[in-house]
Amino acid sequence: MLTYLIWGIGYGFAAAMQPGQFQAYLMAQTLRQGWRKTLPMIFAPLLSDGPVIVIVLFALSRLPVWWLPVLRFAGGLFALYLAAGTFRAWRDFRPVQENQSSGVGWNLFRAALVNLLNPGPYLFWSLVTGPLLLSGWQETPLNGIGLLAGFYMAIIVTLAGFILLCSGSGKLGPRVTRHLLGISGLALAAFGLYQIGSVL
């Protein structure tokens, strides 16, 4: 279970730090209305990922057994692809300026909707964490529970830190955010290589 918990934490941190529309939305909302009103939105993945996980696991469970190693290998390649994109974002990092466009009435439900309509969770769960969850659950349900617990614990804590950094004034926030992007890229690359190596 400890191995799957660590995998969950690593992938959860990397998923939370991936530059994407959900992270951009959180950043814009933090700049627009402050961290106190934005902080509850860190729970949006808990609301939106449920249907994604059910759909993906339903599809994966109907595939032949020999497909799981293939998907794990593809997931490792996808993690390396995400790592490359994260390193590019780290290299070309620019602090986002406050967005003045109107966005009245956004709340936790709409944050969950933004995440639900984002292709990222579908790709992540179908290629990376879904096959891991299935293989871990087949060994023992505790492995699957450990993966999920680590994944969402890391996402919630990382998104909370991200929002607090975005709300910070001065240069500390952008600098630390850039470092977190670099760490996220390293974590994704390491997990991707490990996942590929575990299949070969």
N, C-alpha and C. Protein backbone atom coordinates (compact mmCIF):
# COMPACT_ATOMS: atom_id res chain seq x y z
N MET A 1 0.83 -1.21 0.00
CA MET A 1 0.00 0.00 0.00
C MET A 1 0.86 1.26 0.00
N LEU A 2 2.01 1.21 0.70
CA LEU A 2 2.87 2.39 0.80
C LEU A 2 3.36 2.83 -0.58
N THR A 3 3.71 1.85 -1.43
CA THR A 3 4.17 2.19 -2.78
C THR A 3 3.09 2.92 -3.55
N TYR A 4 1.86 2.44 -3.47
CA TYR A 4 0.75 3.08 -4.19
C TYR A 4 0.40 4.44 -3.58
N LEU A 5 0.55 4.57 -2.28
CA LEU A 5 0.34 5.87 -1.63
C LEU A 5 1.35 6.89 -2.15
N ILE A 6 2.62 6.46 -2.27
CA ILE A 6 3.66 7.36 -2.77
C ILE A 6 3.40 7.71 -4.23
N TRP A 7 3.01 6.70 -5.03
CA TRP A 7 2.64 7.00 -6.41
C TRP A 7 1.50 7.99 -6.48
N GLY A 8 0.50 7.80 -5.64
CA GLY A 8 -0.63 8.71 -5.63
C GLY A 8 -0.22 10.13 -5.28
N ILE A 9 0.63 10.28 -4.27
CA ILE A 9 1.11 11.61 -3.87
C ILE A 9 1.89 12.25 -5.00
N GLY A 10 2.79 11.48 -5.62
CA GLY A 10 3.60 12.03 -6.71
C GLY A 10 2.77 12.46 -7.90
N TYR A 11 1.86 11.59 -8.32
CA TYR A 11 1.01 11.93 -9.46
C TYR A 11 0.01 13.03 -9.12
N GLY A 12 -0.48 13.06 -7.88
CA GLY A 12 -1.40 14.11 -7.47
C GLY A 12 -0.74 15.48 -7.49
N PHE A 13 0.50 15.54 -6.97
CA PHE A 13 1.24 16.80 -7.00
C PHE A 13 1.48 17.25 -8.43
N ALA A 14 1.91 16.30 -9.28
CA ALA A 14 2.18 16.64 -10.67
C ALA A 14 0.91 17.09 -11.39
N ALA A 15 -0.22 16.40 -11.14
CA ALA A 15 -1.48 16.78 -11.79
C ALA A 15 -1.93 18.17 -11.35
N ALA A 16 -1.76 18.48 -10.07
CA ALA A 16 -2.18 19.78 -9.57
C ALA A 16 -1.33 20.91 -10.14
N MET A 17 -0.05 20.62 -10.44
CA MET A 17 0.84 21.66 -10.93
C MET A 17 0.87 21.76 -12.45
N GLN A 18 0.13 20.90 -13.15
CA GLN A 18 0.11 20.97 -14.61
C GLN A 18 -0.53 22.27 -15.08
N PRO A 19 0.17 23.04 -15.91
CA PRO A 19 -0.46 24.24 -16.46
C PRO A 19 -1.67 23.84 -17.31
N GLY A 20 -2.80 24.38 -17.00
CA GLY A 20 -4.01 24.03 -17.72
C GLY A 20 -5.11 25.01 -17.41
N GLN A 21 -6.30 24.75 -17.98
CA GLN A 21 -7.37 25.73 -17.83
C GLN A 21 -7.89 25.79 -16.39
N PHE A 22 -7.86 24.67 -15.67
CA PHE A 22 -8.33 24.70 -14.29
C PHE A 22 -7.40 25.53 -13.41
N GLN A 23 -6.09 25.33 -13.58
CA GLN A 23 -5.12 26.11 -12.81
C GLN A 23 -5.18 27.59 -13.18
N ALA A 24 -5.35 27.86 -14.48
CA ALA A 24 -5.48 29.25 -14.92
C ALA A 24 -6.74 29.88 -14.33
N TYR A 25 -7.81 29.10 -14.26
CA TYR A 25 -9.05 29.59 -13.67
C TYR A 25 -8.87 29.92 -12.19
N LEU A 26 -8.20 29.02 -11.45
CA LEU A 26 -7.95 29.28 -10.03
C LEU A 26 -7.10 30.52 -9.84
N MET A 27 -6.09 30.67 -10.70
CA MET A 27 -5.23 31.84 -10.59
C MET A 27 -6.02 33.13 -10.85
N ALA A 28 -6.84 33.11 -11.90
CA ALA A 28 -7.63 34.30 -12.23
C ALA A 28 -8.61 34.63 -11.11
N GLN A 29 -9.25 33.60 -10.54
CA GLN A 29 -10.19 33.85 -9.47
C GLN A 29 -9.50 34.36 -8.21
N THR A 30 -8.32 33.87 -7.94
CA THR A 30 -7.56 34.35 -6.78
C THR A 30 -7.21 35.81 -6.94
N LEU A 31 -6.76 36.18 -8.15
CA LEU A 31 -6.41 37.57 -8.41
C LEU A 31 -7.65 38.46 -8.39
N ARG A 32 -8.77 37.91 -8.81
CA ARG A 32 -9.99 38.71 -8.91
C ARG A 32 -10.69 38.90 -7.57
N GLN A 33 -10.82 37.80 -6.77
CA GLN A 33 -11.65 37.89 -5.57
C GLN A 33 -10.93 37.51 -4.28
N GLY A 34 -9.63 37.20 -4.38
CA GLY A 34 -8.86 36.89 -3.18
C GLY A 34 -8.86 35.41 -2.84
N TRP A 35 -7.90 35.02 -1.99
CA TRP A 35 -7.70 33.60 -1.70
C TRP A 35 -8.80 33.01 -0.84
N ARG A 36 -9.42 33.80 0.03
CA ARG A 36 -10.44 33.25 0.93
C ARG A 36 -11.65 32.71 0.16
N LYS A 37 -12.07 33.43 -0.88
CA LYS A 37 -13.22 32.99 -1.66
C LYS A 37 -12.85 31.91 -2.68
N THR A 38 -11.58 31.87 -3.05
CA THR A 38 -11.14 30.89 -4.05
C THR A 38 -10.77 29.56 -3.41
N LEU A 39 -10.33 29.58 -2.16
CA LEU A 39 -9.80 28.37 -1.52
C LEU A 39 -10.77 27.18 -1.54
N PRO A 40 -12.09 27.37 -1.33
CA PRO A 40 -12.98 26.20 -1.40
C PRO A 40 -12.97 25.48 -2.73
N MET A 41 -12.50 26.13 -3.78
CA MET A 41 -12.48 25.51 -5.10
C MET A 41 -11.44 24.40 -5.22
N ILE A 42 -10.56 24.25 -4.21
CA ILE A 42 -9.60 23.14 -4.27
C ILE A 42 -10.29 21.79 -4.21
N PHE A 43 -11.55 21.78 -3.74
CA PHE A 43 -12.30 20.52 -3.66
C PHE A 43 -13.04 20.19 -4.95
N ALA A 44 -12.92 21.06 -5.97
CA ALA A 44 -13.61 20.81 -7.24
C ALA A 44 -13.23 19.47 -7.87
N PRO A 45 -11.93 19.06 -7.86
CA PRO A 45 -11.61 17.74 -8.44
C PRO A 45 -12.32 16.58 -7.76
N LEU A 46 -12.61 16.72 -6.46
CA LEU A 46 -13.33 15.64 -5.77
C LEU A 46 -14.74 15.48 -6.33
N LEU A 47 -15.34 16.60 -6.78
CA LEU A 47 -16.69 16.55 -7.35
C LEU A 47 -16.67 16.10 -8.80
N SER A 48 -15.69 16.58 -9.56
CA SER A 48 -15.71 16.35 -11.01
C SER A 48 -15.03 15.04 -11.42
N ASP A 49 -14.07 14.55 -10.64
CA ASP A 49 -13.33 13.37 -11.07
C ASP A 49 -14.12 12.07 -10.90
N GLY A 50 -15.13 12.08 -10.04
CA GLY A 50 -15.90 10.86 -9.83
C GLY A 50 -16.45 10.27 -11.12
N PRO A 51 -17.23 11.06 -11.90
CA PRO A 51 -17.73 10.53 -13.17
C PRO A 51 -16.63 10.11 -14.13
N VAL A 52 -15.52 10.87 -14.14
CA VAL A 52 -14.40 10.54 -15.02
C VAL A 52 -13.83 9.18 -14.65
N ILE A 53 -13.59 8.96 -13.35
CA ILE A 53 -13.01 7.70 -12.89
C ILE A 53 -13.94 6.53 -13.21
N VAL A 54 -15.25 6.72 -12.97
CA VAL A 54 -16.21 5.64 -13.25
C VAL A 54 -16.19 5.28 -14.74
N ILE A 55 -16.24 6.28 -15.61
CA ILE A 55 -16.24 6.03 -17.05
C ILE A 55 -14.96 5.33 -17.49
N VAL A 56 -13.82 5.85 -17.02
CA VAL A 56 -12.53 5.29 -17.44
C VAL A 56 -12.35 3.87 -16.92
N LEU A 57 -12.66 3.64 -15.64
CA LEU A 57 -12.48 2.30 -15.08
C LEU A 57 -13.45 1.30 -15.70
N PHE A 58 -14.65 1.75 -16.04
CA PHE A 58 -15.61 0.86 -16.71
C PHE A 58 -15.04 0.41 -18.06
N ALA A 59 -14.45 1.36 -18.78
CA ALA A 59 -13.87 1.02 -20.09
C ALA A 59 -12.64 0.12 -19.91
N LEU A 60 -11.78 0.46 -18.94
CA LEU A 60 -10.55 -0.32 -18.75
C LEU A 60 -10.86 -1.74 -18.29
N SER A 61 -11.88 -1.90 -17.45
CA SER A 61 -12.19 -3.23 -16.92
C SER A 61 -12.72 -4.17 -17.99
N ARG A 62 -13.17 -3.63 -19.11
CA ARG A 62 -13.69 -4.47 -20.19
C ARG A 62 -12.62 -4.82 -21.22
N LEU A 63 -11.41 -4.29 -21.04
CA LEU A 63 -10.33 -4.62 -21.96
C LEU A 63 -9.67 -5.93 -21.56
N PRO A 64 -9.05 -6.65 -22.51
CA PRO A 64 -8.33 -7.87 -22.16
C PRO A 64 -7.20 -7.57 -21.17
N VAL A 65 -6.80 -8.59 -20.41
CA VAL A 65 -5.77 -8.41 -19.37
C VAL A 65 -4.46 -7.89 -19.96
N TRP A 66 -4.12 -8.35 -21.18
CA TRP A 66 -2.84 -7.95 -21.76
C TRP A 66 -2.79 -6.47 -22.14
N TRP A 67 -3.97 -5.81 -22.12
CA TRP A 67 -3.99 -4.38 -22.44
C TRP A 67 -3.44 -3.52 -21.30
N LEU A 68 -3.52 -3.99 -20.06
CA LEU A 68 -3.07 -3.16 -18.94
C LEU A 68 -1.58 -2.80 -19.04
N PRO A 69 -0.67 -3.77 -19.31
CA PRO A 69 0.73 -3.37 -19.49
C PRO A 69 0.93 -2.39 -20.65
N VAL A 70 0.14 -2.58 -21.72
CA VAL A 70 0.24 -1.66 -22.86
C VAL A 70 -0.16 -0.25 -22.43
N LEU A 71 -1.26 -0.16 -21.68
CA LEU A 71 -1.72 1.15 -21.21
C LEU A 71 -0.74 1.76 -20.21
N ARG A 72 -0.14 0.92 -19.36
CA ARG A 72 0.84 1.44 -18.41
C ARG A 72 2.05 2.00 -19.15
N PHE A 73 2.47 1.30 -20.21
CA PHE A 73 3.59 1.80 -21.02
C PHE A 73 3.20 3.12 -21.68
N ALA A 74 1.98 3.17 -22.26
CA ALA A 74 1.50 4.41 -22.88
C ALA A 74 1.38 5.51 -21.84
N GLY A 75 0.97 5.14 -20.61
CA GLY A 75 0.88 6.13 -19.54
C GLY A 75 2.24 6.68 -19.17
N GLY A 76 3.26 5.82 -19.19
CA GLY A 76 4.62 6.30 -18.93
C GLY A 76 5.07 7.29 -19.99
N LEU A 77 4.76 6.98 -21.26
CA LEU A 77 5.10 7.91 -22.34
C LEU A 77 4.33 9.23 -22.19
N PHE A 78 3.04 9.12 -21.80
CA PHE A 78 2.24 10.32 -21.60
C PHE A 78 2.78 11.17 -20.45
N ALA A 79 3.24 10.51 -19.38
CA ALA A 79 3.84 11.25 -18.27
C ALA A 79 5.10 11.98 -18.72
N LEU A 80 5.90 11.33 -19.59
CA LEU A 80 7.09 12.00 -20.13
C LEU A 80 6.70 13.19 -21.01
N TYR A 81 5.60 13.03 -21.77
CA TYR A 81 5.09 14.13 -22.58
C TYR A 81 4.65 15.30 -21.70
N LEU A 82 3.94 14.99 -20.61
CA LEU A 82 3.53 16.04 -19.67
C LEU A 82 4.74 16.70 -19.02
N ALA A 83 5.76 15.89 -18.72
CA ALA A 83 6.99 16.43 -18.12
C ALA A 83 7.65 17.42 -19.08
N ALA A 84 7.69 17.08 -20.38
CA ALA A 84 8.29 17.98 -21.36
C ALA A 84 7.53 19.30 -21.42
N GLY A 85 6.18 19.21 -21.42
CA GLY A 85 5.38 20.43 -21.42
C GLY A 85 5.57 21.26 -20.17
N THR A 86 5.71 20.58 -19.03
CA THR A 86 5.94 21.28 -17.76
C THR A 86 7.29 21.97 -17.76
N PHE A 87 8.32 21.31 -18.31
CA PHE A 87 9.64 21.93 -18.40
C PHE A 87 9.63 23.14 -19.33
N ARG A 88 8.83 23.06 -20.40
CA ARG A 88 8.71 24.23 -21.27
C ARG A 88 8.04 25.39 -20.53
N ALA A 89 6.98 25.08 -19.75
CA ALA A 89 6.32 26.12 -18.96
C ALA A 89 7.28 26.70 -17.92
N TRP A 90 8.13 25.83 -17.35
CA TRP A 90 9.13 26.30 -16.37
C TRP A 90 10.15 27.21 -17.04
N ARG A 91 10.60 26.80 -18.24
CA ARG A 91 11.60 27.59 -18.96
C ARG A 91 11.06 28.96 -19.37
N ASP A 92 9.82 28.98 -19.87
CA ASP A 92 9.23 30.21 -20.40
C ASP A 92 8.29 30.89 -19.41
N PHE A 93 8.45 30.60 -18.12
CA PHE A 93 7.49 31.05 -17.11
C PHE A 93 7.38 32.57 -17.08
N ARG A 94 6.12 33.03 -17.09
CA ARG A 94 5.83 34.46 -16.90
C ARG A 94 4.68 34.58 -15.93
N PRO A 95 4.80 35.43 -14.92
CA PRO A 95 3.67 35.61 -14.00
C PRO A 95 2.44 36.10 -14.73
N VAL A 96 1.29 35.51 -14.41
CA VAL A 96 0.03 35.92 -15.03
C VAL A 96 -0.46 37.20 -14.37
N GLN A 97 -0.82 38.17 -15.19
CA GLN A 97 -1.35 39.43 -14.68
C GLN A 97 -2.83 39.28 -14.39
N GLU A 98 -3.33 40.14 -13.57
CA GLU A 98 -4.75 40.07 -13.20
C GLU A 98 -5.64 40.21 -14.41
N ASN A 99 -6.63 39.35 -14.50
CA ASN A 99 -7.59 39.38 -15.59
C ASN A 99 -8.76 40.26 -15.19
N GLN A 100 -9.01 41.29 -16.00
CA GLN A 100 -10.05 42.26 -15.65
C GLN A 100 -11.42 41.88 -16.21
N SER A 101 -11.48 40.77 -16.98
CA SER A 101 -12.77 40.41 -17.58
C SER A 101 -13.76 40.01 -16.50
N SER A 102 -15.02 40.20 -16.83
CA SER A 102 -16.07 39.94 -15.85
C SER A 102 -16.22 38.44 -15.65
N GLY A 103 -16.49 38.02 -14.43
CA GLY A 103 -16.70 36.61 -14.15
C GLY A 103 -17.49 36.46 -12.88
N VAL A 104 -18.62 37.14 -12.79
CA VAL A 104 -19.42 37.16 -11.58
C VAL A 104 -20.17 35.84 -11.41
N GLY A 105 -20.25 35.35 -10.18
CA GLY A 105 -21.07 34.19 -9.89
C GLY A 105 -20.36 32.85 -9.96
N TRP A 106 -19.04 32.87 -10.13
CA TRP A 106 -18.32 31.60 -10.14
C TRP A 106 -18.29 31.02 -8.74
N ASN A 107 -18.44 29.72 -8.64
CA ASN A 107 -18.46 29.05 -7.34
C ASN A 107 -17.87 27.67 -7.48
N LEU A 108 -17.98 26.88 -6.42
CA LEU A 108 -17.38 25.55 -6.43
C LEU A 108 -17.96 24.68 -7.54
N PHE A 109 -19.28 24.78 -7.77
CA PHE A 109 -19.89 23.97 -8.83
C PHE A 109 -19.31 24.32 -10.19
N ARG A 110 -19.13 25.59 -10.46
CA ARG A 110 -18.61 26.00 -11.76
C ARG A 110 -17.14 25.64 -11.88
N ALA A 111 -16.40 25.68 -10.76
CA ALA A 111 -15.00 25.24 -10.79
C ALA A 111 -14.94 23.76 -11.14
N ALA A 112 -15.85 22.97 -10.55
CA ALA A 112 -15.90 21.54 -10.87
C ALA A 112 -16.26 21.34 -12.34
N LEU A 113 -17.14 22.17 -12.88
CA LEU A 113 -17.53 22.08 -14.28
C LEU A 113 -16.34 22.39 -15.19
N VAL A 114 -15.55 23.39 -14.82
CA VAL A 114 -14.34 23.72 -15.59
C VAL A 114 -13.42 22.50 -15.64
N ASN A 115 -13.25 21.85 -14.50
CA ASN A 115 -12.38 20.67 -14.44
C ASN A 115 -12.98 19.49 -15.20
N LEU A 116 -14.30 19.32 -15.12
CA LEU A 116 -14.97 18.21 -15.79
C LEU A 116 -14.87 18.32 -17.31
N LEU A 117 -14.92 19.54 -17.83
CA LEU A 117 -14.85 19.76 -19.27
C LEU A 117 -13.43 19.86 -19.79
N ASN A 118 -12.47 19.75 -18.90
CA ASN A 118 -11.06 19.79 -19.26
C ASN A 118 -10.63 18.39 -19.69
N PRO A 119 -9.94 18.22 -20.82
CA PRO A 119 -9.52 16.88 -21.24
C PRO A 119 -8.44 16.27 -20.35
N GLY A 120 -7.76 17.09 -19.57
CA GLY A 120 -6.66 16.60 -18.74
C GLY A 120 -7.02 15.43 -17.83
N PRO A 121 -8.10 15.54 -17.01
CA PRO A 121 -8.43 14.41 -16.13
C PRO A 121 -8.74 13.12 -16.88
N TYR A 122 -9.38 13.22 -18.06
CA TYR A 122 -9.69 12.02 -18.83
C TYR A 122 -8.41 11.33 -19.31
N LEU A 123 -7.48 12.14 -19.83
CA LEU A 123 -6.21 11.58 -20.29
C LEU A 123 -5.42 11.01 -19.13
N PHE A 124 -5.39 11.74 -18.01
CA PHE A 124 -4.60 11.30 -16.86
C PHE A 124 -5.14 9.99 -16.31
N TRP A 125 -6.48 9.90 -16.17
CA TRP A 125 -7.05 8.69 -15.59
C TRP A 125 -7.07 7.52 -16.56
N SER A 126 -7.14 7.77 -17.86
CA SER A 126 -7.15 6.65 -18.79
C SER A 126 -5.77 6.12 -19.09
N LEU A 127 -4.75 6.99 -19.04
CA LEU A 127 -3.41 6.55 -19.42
C LEU A 127 -2.46 6.36 -18.24
N VAL A 128 -2.67 7.06 -17.15
CA VAL A 128 -1.68 7.02 -16.06
C VAL A 128 -2.26 6.37 -14.81
N THR A 129 -3.15 7.06 -14.14
CA THR A 129 -3.60 6.58 -12.83
C THR A 129 -4.66 5.49 -12.91
N GLY A 130 -5.45 5.45 -14.00
CA GLY A 130 -6.46 4.40 -14.13
C GLY A 130 -5.87 3.00 -14.16
N PRO A 131 -4.92 2.72 -15.06
CA PRO A 131 -4.30 1.39 -15.06
C PRO A 131 -3.60 1.06 -13.74
N LEU A 132 -2.98 2.06 -13.12
CA LEU A 132 -2.34 1.83 -11.81
C LEU A 132 -3.38 1.46 -10.76
N LEU A 133 -4.50 2.17 -10.77
CA LEU A 133 -5.55 1.90 -9.81
C LEU A 133 -6.11 0.49 -9.99
N LEU A 134 -6.33 0.10 -11.24
CA LEU A 134 -6.86 -1.23 -11.51
C LEU A 134 -5.89 -2.33 -11.07
N SER A 135 -4.61 -2.18 -11.44
CA SER A 135 -3.64 -3.22 -11.08
C SER A 135 -3.44 -3.28 -9.56
N GLY A 136 -3.43 -2.11 -8.91
CA GLY A 136 -3.30 -2.11 -7.45
C GLY A 136 -4.50 -2.72 -6.77
N TRP A 137 -5.69 -2.41 -7.26
CA TRP A 137 -6.92 -2.95 -6.67
C TRP A 137 -6.98 -4.47 -6.83
N GLN A 138 -6.47 -4.97 -7.98
CA GLN A 138 -6.47 -6.41 -8.20
C GLN A 138 -5.54 -7.13 -7.22
N GLU A 139 -4.45 -6.46 -6.82
CA GLU A 139 -3.56 -7.05 -5.81
C GLU A 139 -4.24 -7.06 -4.45
N THR A 140 -4.71 -5.90 -4.04
CA THR A 140 -5.49 -5.76 -2.81
C THR A 140 -6.19 -4.40 -2.85
N PRO A 141 -7.45 -4.32 -2.42
CA PRO A 141 -8.16 -3.03 -2.44
C PRO A 141 -7.42 -1.92 -1.68
N LEU A 142 -6.61 -2.30 -0.69
CA LEU A 142 -5.87 -1.28 0.06
C LEU A 142 -4.92 -0.50 -0.85
N ASN A 143 -4.36 -1.17 -1.86
CA ASN A 143 -3.47 -0.47 -2.79
C ASN A 143 -4.24 0.60 -3.56
N GLY A 144 -5.44 0.25 -4.03
CA GLY A 144 -6.26 1.22 -4.75
C GLY A 144 -6.67 2.38 -3.86
N ILE A 145 -7.04 2.06 -2.62
CA ILE A 145 -7.42 3.12 -1.67
C ILE A 145 -6.23 4.02 -1.37
N GLY A 146 -5.04 3.42 -1.23
CA GLY A 146 -3.84 4.20 -0.97
C GLY A 146 -3.51 5.14 -2.12
N LEU A 147 -3.67 4.64 -3.35
CA LEU A 147 -3.42 5.48 -4.52
C LEU A 147 -4.37 6.67 -4.56
N LEU A 148 -5.67 6.40 -4.36
CA LEU A 148 -6.67 7.48 -4.38
C LEU A 148 -6.44 8.48 -3.25
N ALA A 149 -6.14 7.95 -2.05
CA ALA A 149 -5.93 8.84 -0.90
C ALA A 149 -4.73 9.74 -1.13
N GLY A 150 -3.62 9.16 -1.57
CA GLY A 150 -2.42 9.96 -1.83
C GLY A 150 -2.65 10.97 -2.93
N PHE A 151 -3.35 10.55 -4.00
CA PHE A 151 -3.58 11.41 -5.15
C PHE A 151 -4.38 12.65 -4.75
N TYR A 152 -5.51 12.45 -4.07
CA TYR A 152 -6.37 13.60 -3.76
C TYR A 152 -5.86 14.41 -2.58
N MET A 153 -5.15 13.78 -1.67
CA MET A 153 -4.50 14.55 -0.60
C MET A 153 -3.48 15.51 -1.20
N ALA A 154 -2.67 14.99 -2.14
CA ALA A 154 -1.65 15.84 -2.77
C ALA A 154 -2.28 16.94 -3.61
N ILE A 155 -3.36 16.61 -4.33
CA ILE A 155 -4.02 17.63 -5.16
C ILE A 155 -4.57 18.76 -4.30
N ILE A 156 -5.26 18.41 -3.21
CA ILE A 156 -5.88 19.43 -2.36
C ILE A 156 -4.82 20.32 -1.72
N VAL A 157 -3.77 19.70 -1.17
CA VAL A 157 -2.72 20.49 -0.50
C VAL A 157 -1.99 21.36 -1.52
N THR A 158 -1.66 20.79 -2.69
CA THR A 158 -0.92 21.55 -3.70
C THR A 158 -1.74 22.70 -4.25
N LEU A 159 -3.03 22.46 -4.54
CA LEU A 159 -3.87 23.54 -5.05
C LEU A 159 -4.05 24.65 -4.01
N ALA A 160 -4.15 24.26 -2.73
CA ALA A 160 -4.25 25.27 -1.67
C ALA A 160 -2.99 26.12 -1.63
N GLY A 161 -1.83 25.47 -1.71
CA GLY A 161 -0.56 26.22 -1.74
C GLY A 161 -0.47 27.10 -2.97
N PHE A 162 -0.93 26.59 -4.11
CA PHE A 162 -0.91 27.35 -5.35
C PHE A 162 -1.75 28.62 -5.23
N ILE A 163 -2.95 28.49 -4.66
CA ILE A 163 -3.83 29.66 -4.48
C ILE A 163 -3.18 30.68 -3.54
N LEU A 164 -2.59 30.19 -2.44
CA LEU A 164 -1.96 31.11 -1.50
C LEU A 164 -0.77 31.82 -2.13
N LEU A 165 -0.01 31.10 -2.97
CA LEU A 165 1.12 31.73 -3.66
C LEU A 165 0.64 32.78 -4.65
N CYS A 166 -0.45 32.47 -5.36
CA CYS A 166 -1.00 33.43 -6.31
C CYS A 166 -1.47 34.70 -5.63
N SER A 167 -1.94 34.56 -4.40
CA SER A 167 -2.45 35.73 -3.69
C SER A 167 -1.34 36.57 -3.08
N GLY A 168 -0.14 35.99 -2.98
CA GLY A 168 0.97 36.71 -2.37
C GLY A 168 1.41 37.88 -3.22
N SER A 169 1.85 38.91 -2.57
CA SER A 169 2.35 40.07 -3.30
C SER A 169 3.86 39.95 -3.47
N GLY A 170 4.40 40.78 -4.34
CA GLY A 170 5.84 40.78 -4.55
C GLY A 170 6.27 39.64 -5.46
N LYS A 171 7.54 39.32 -5.36
CA LYS A 171 8.14 38.35 -6.26
C LYS A 171 8.16 36.93 -5.72
N LEU A 172 7.79 36.75 -4.46
CA LEU A 172 7.89 35.41 -3.87
C LEU A 172 6.99 34.42 -4.57
N GLY A 173 5.73 34.80 -4.84
CA GLY A 173 4.78 33.87 -5.44
C GLY A 173 5.22 33.34 -6.79
N PRO A 174 5.47 34.22 -7.78
CA PRO A 174 5.88 33.73 -9.10
C PRO A 174 7.15 32.89 -9.06
N ARG A 175 8.12 33.29 -8.24
CA ARG A 175 9.38 32.54 -8.18
C ARG A 175 9.14 31.14 -7.63
N VAL A 176 8.37 31.06 -6.56
CA VAL A 176 8.10 29.74 -5.97
C VAL A 176 7.25 28.91 -6.91
N THR A 177 6.28 29.53 -7.60
CA THR A 177 5.45 28.80 -8.56
C THR A 177 6.31 28.20 -9.66
N ARG A 178 7.29 28.95 -10.12
CA ARG A 178 8.19 28.45 -11.17
C ARG A 178 8.99 27.25 -10.65
N HIS A 179 9.47 27.34 -9.41
CA HIS A 179 10.21 26.21 -8.83
C HIS A 179 9.31 24.98 -8.70
N LEU A 180 8.05 25.18 -8.30
CA LEU A 180 7.12 24.06 -8.18
C LEU A 180 6.85 23.42 -9.55
N LEU A 181 6.81 24.24 -10.59
CA LEU A 181 6.67 23.68 -11.93
C LEU A 181 7.85 22.78 -12.28
N GLY A 182 9.06 23.24 -11.93
CA GLY A 182 10.24 22.43 -12.20
C GLY A 182 10.22 21.12 -11.44
N ILE A 183 9.83 21.18 -10.15
CA ILE A 183 9.74 19.95 -9.34
C ILE A 183 8.68 19.02 -9.92
N SER A 184 7.56 19.59 -10.37
CA SER A 184 6.50 18.79 -10.97
C SER A 184 7.00 18.08 -12.23
N GLY A 185 7.77 18.79 -13.05
CA GLY A 185 8.33 18.18 -14.25
C GLY A 185 9.27 17.04 -13.92
N LEU A 186 10.12 17.21 -12.92
CA LEU A 186 11.02 16.14 -12.50
C LEU A 186 10.25 14.93 -11.98
N ALA A 187 9.20 15.19 -11.20
CA ALA A 187 8.40 14.09 -10.66
C ALA A 187 7.72 13.32 -11.78
N LEU A 188 7.15 14.04 -12.75
CA LEU A 188 6.49 13.37 -13.87
C LEU A 188 7.48 12.54 -14.69
N ALA A 189 8.66 13.10 -14.94
CA ALA A 189 9.67 12.36 -15.70
C ALA A 189 10.10 11.10 -14.96
N ALA A 190 10.32 11.21 -13.65
CA ALA A 190 10.75 10.05 -12.86
C ALA A 190 9.67 8.97 -12.84
N PHE A 191 8.43 9.37 -12.60
CA PHE A 191 7.34 8.39 -12.58
C PHE A 191 7.12 7.78 -13.95
N GLY A 192 7.23 8.58 -15.00
CA GLY A 192 7.07 8.05 -16.36
C GLY A 192 8.12 7.02 -16.69
N LEU A 193 9.38 7.31 -16.37
CA LEU A 193 10.46 6.35 -16.63
C LEU A 193 10.28 5.09 -15.80
N TYR A 194 9.87 5.25 -14.56
CA TYR A 194 9.66 4.08 -13.70
C TYR A 194 8.52 3.21 -14.24
N GLN A 195 7.46 3.87 -14.70
CA GLN A 195 6.30 3.12 -15.20
C GLN A 195 6.66 2.36 -16.47
N ILE A 196 7.45 2.99 -17.35
CA ILE A 196 7.90 2.30 -18.57
C ILE A 196 8.80 1.13 -18.20
N GLY A 197 9.73 1.38 -17.26
CA GLY A 197 10.65 0.33 -16.83
C GLY A 197 9.95 -0.85 -16.18
N SER A 198 8.82 -0.61 -15.49
CA SER A 198 8.12 -1.70 -14.81
C SER A 198 7.42 -2.63 -15.80
N VAL A 199 7.20 -2.15 -17.04
CA VAL A 199 6.55 -2.97 -18.06
C VAL A 199 7.59 -3.76 -18.86
N LEU A 200 8.74 -3.14 -19.10
CA LEU A 200 9.77 -3.80 -19.92
C LEU A 200 10.43 -4.96 -19.20
